[in-house]
């Protein structure tokens, strides 16, 4: 056994685990699909209430917490409305640009 020389197979020994890379991508996508939420559907009354709260917050320059839907999750931003774009239906809170169609809740502070 003294004259035995080990010959490394280099990357060939890891080839069977190459399939696991595709599985990990699939599992990540599957996990993202489970945590992903659908955008809540608002009634016309809720939409008019949100519109009213936006007008009040813009008129009095009050601090608000806006919940909005983006990429399968609901995010929150806090601040005051810096400007609005009525043509594109955008609301700017600080440096954040939020589509008014994606807003789900507004809390006045």
Protein backbone atom coordinates (compact mmCIF):
# COMPACT_ATOMS: atom_id res chain seq x y z
CA UNK A 1 0.00 0.00 0.00
CA UNK A 2 3.01 2.28 0.23
CA UNK A 3 3.21 2.73 -3.54
CA UNK A 4 -0.50 3.76 -3.97
CA UNK A 5 -0.98 7.22 -5.53
CA UNK A 6 -4.36 8.92 -5.16
CA UNK A 7 -5.74 10.32 -8.43
CA UNK A 8 -8.32 13.04 -7.80
CA UNK A 9 -11.28 13.02 -10.15
CA UNK A 10 -11.55 16.81 -9.81
CA UNK A 11 -15.08 18.05 -10.46
CA UNK A 12 -16.40 14.74 -11.78
CA UNK A 13 -17.14 13.56 -8.27
CA UNK A 14 -19.58 16.46 -7.81
CA UNK A 15 -21.52 15.97 -11.07
CA UNK A 16 -24.41 13.99 -9.49
CA UNK A 17 -25.18 17.01 -7.26
CA UNK A 18 -25.63 19.29 -10.27
CA UNK A 19 -29.31 18.34 -10.41
CA UNK A 20 -29.75 19.77 -6.91
CA UNK A 21 -29.09 23.27 -8.25
CA UNK A 22 -32.23 23.09 -10.36
CA UNK A 23 -34.12 21.70 -7.40
CA UNK A 24 -32.99 24.57 -5.20
CA UNK A 25 -34.23 27.08 -7.79
CA UNK A 26 -37.55 25.26 -7.95
CA UNK A 27 -37.84 25.19 -4.15
CA UNK A 28 -37.10 28.92 -3.91
CA UNK A 29 -39.82 29.64 -6.46
CA UNK A 30 -42.22 27.34 -4.64
CA UNK A 31 -41.51 29.00 -1.29
CA UNK A 32 -41.98 32.47 -2.84
CA UNK A 33 -45.32 31.34 -4.24
CA UNK A 34 -46.50 30.26 -0.79
CA UNK A 35 -45.62 33.58 0.86
CA UNK A 36 -46.93 35.64 -2.02
CA UNK A 37 -50.25 37.37 -1.44
CA UNK A 38 -52.88 38.55 -3.88
CA UNK A 39 -53.75 42.22 -4.05
CA UNK A 40 -56.86 42.90 -1.98
CA UNK A 41 -59.90 43.98 -3.96
CA UNK A 42 -61.34 47.19 -2.58
CA UNK A 43 -64.99 48.15 -2.75
CA UNK A 44 -65.98 51.51 -4.26
CA UNK A 45 -66.71 52.79 -0.73
CA UNK A 46 -63.21 51.84 0.42
CA UNK A 47 -61.68 53.51 -2.64
CA UNK A 48 -63.59 56.74 -2.01
CA UNK A 49 -62.54 56.65 1.66
CA UNK A 50 -58.87 56.23 0.66
CA UNK A 51 -59.25 59.10 -1.81
CA UNK A 52 -60.74 61.30 0.91
CA UNK A 53 -57.93 60.44 3.34
CA UNK A 54 -55.34 61.25 0.66
CA UNK A 55 -56.97 64.63 0.01
CA UNK A 56 -57.06 65.45 3.73
CA UNK A 57 -53.43 64.39 4.23
CA UNK A 58 -52.31 66.44 1.22
CA UNK A 59 -54.37 69.49 2.20
CA UNK A 60 -53.15 69.63 5.81
CA UNK A 61 -49.66 68.20 5.07
CA UNK A 62 -50.15 65.57 7.81
CA UNK A 63 -48.04 62.54 8.53
CA UNK A 64 -49.53 59.30 7.26
CA UNK A 65 -48.70 55.60 7.08
CA UNK A 66 -49.54 54.21 3.64
CA UNK A 67 -49.86 50.46 3.06
CA UNK A 68 -49.45 49.47 -0.57
CA UNK A 69 -49.20 46.28 -2.59
CA UNK A 70 -45.97 45.50 -4.46
CA UNK A 71 -44.59 42.22 -5.83
CA UNK A 72 -46.85 39.92 -3.85
CA UNK A 73 -46.52 41.62 -0.49
CA UNK A 74 -47.91 44.62 1.35
CA UNK A 75 -45.36 47.28 2.23
CA UNK A 76 -45.69 50.36 4.43
CA UNK A 77 -44.19 53.80 4.15
CA UNK A 78 -44.48 56.67 6.63
CA UNK A 79 -44.25 60.36 5.87
CA UNK A 80 -46.11 63.26 4.37
CA UNK A 81 -47.17 63.68 0.76
CA UNK A 82 -44.56 65.70 -1.10
CA UNK A 83 -46.37 65.81 -4.43
CA UNK A 84 -48.97 64.05 -6.54
CA UNK A 85 -49.14 63.23 -10.24
CA UNK A 86 -52.81 63.17 -11.20
CA UNK A 87 -52.18 62.18 -14.81
CA UNK A 88 -50.25 59.00 -13.91
CA UNK A 89 -52.08 58.53 -10.57
CA UNK A 90 -48.90 58.59 -8.48
CA UNK A 91 -48.39 59.73 -4.91
CA UNK A 92 -44.93 60.74 -3.71
CA UNK A 93 -44.18 60.28 -0.02
CA UNK A 94 -40.67 61.46 0.66
CA UNK A 95 -38.59 59.85 -2.10
CA UNK A 96 -41.02 56.92 -2.57
CA UNK A 97 -43.23 56.80 -5.64
CA UNK A 98 -46.48 54.88 -5.05
CA UNK A 99 -49.19 54.11 -7.56
CA UNK A 100 -52.55 55.22 -6.18
CA UNK A 101 -54.10 52.04 -7.58
CA UNK A 102 -51.84 49.94 -5.32
CA UNK A 103 -52.71 51.67 -2.04
CA UNK A 104 -54.62 49.39 0.34
CA UNK A 105 -54.75 51.43 3.56
CA UNK A 106 -53.98 54.91 4.89
CA UNK A 107 -53.55 55.76 8.57
CA UNK A 108 -53.43 59.36 9.72
CA UNK A 109 -50.90 60.04 12.47
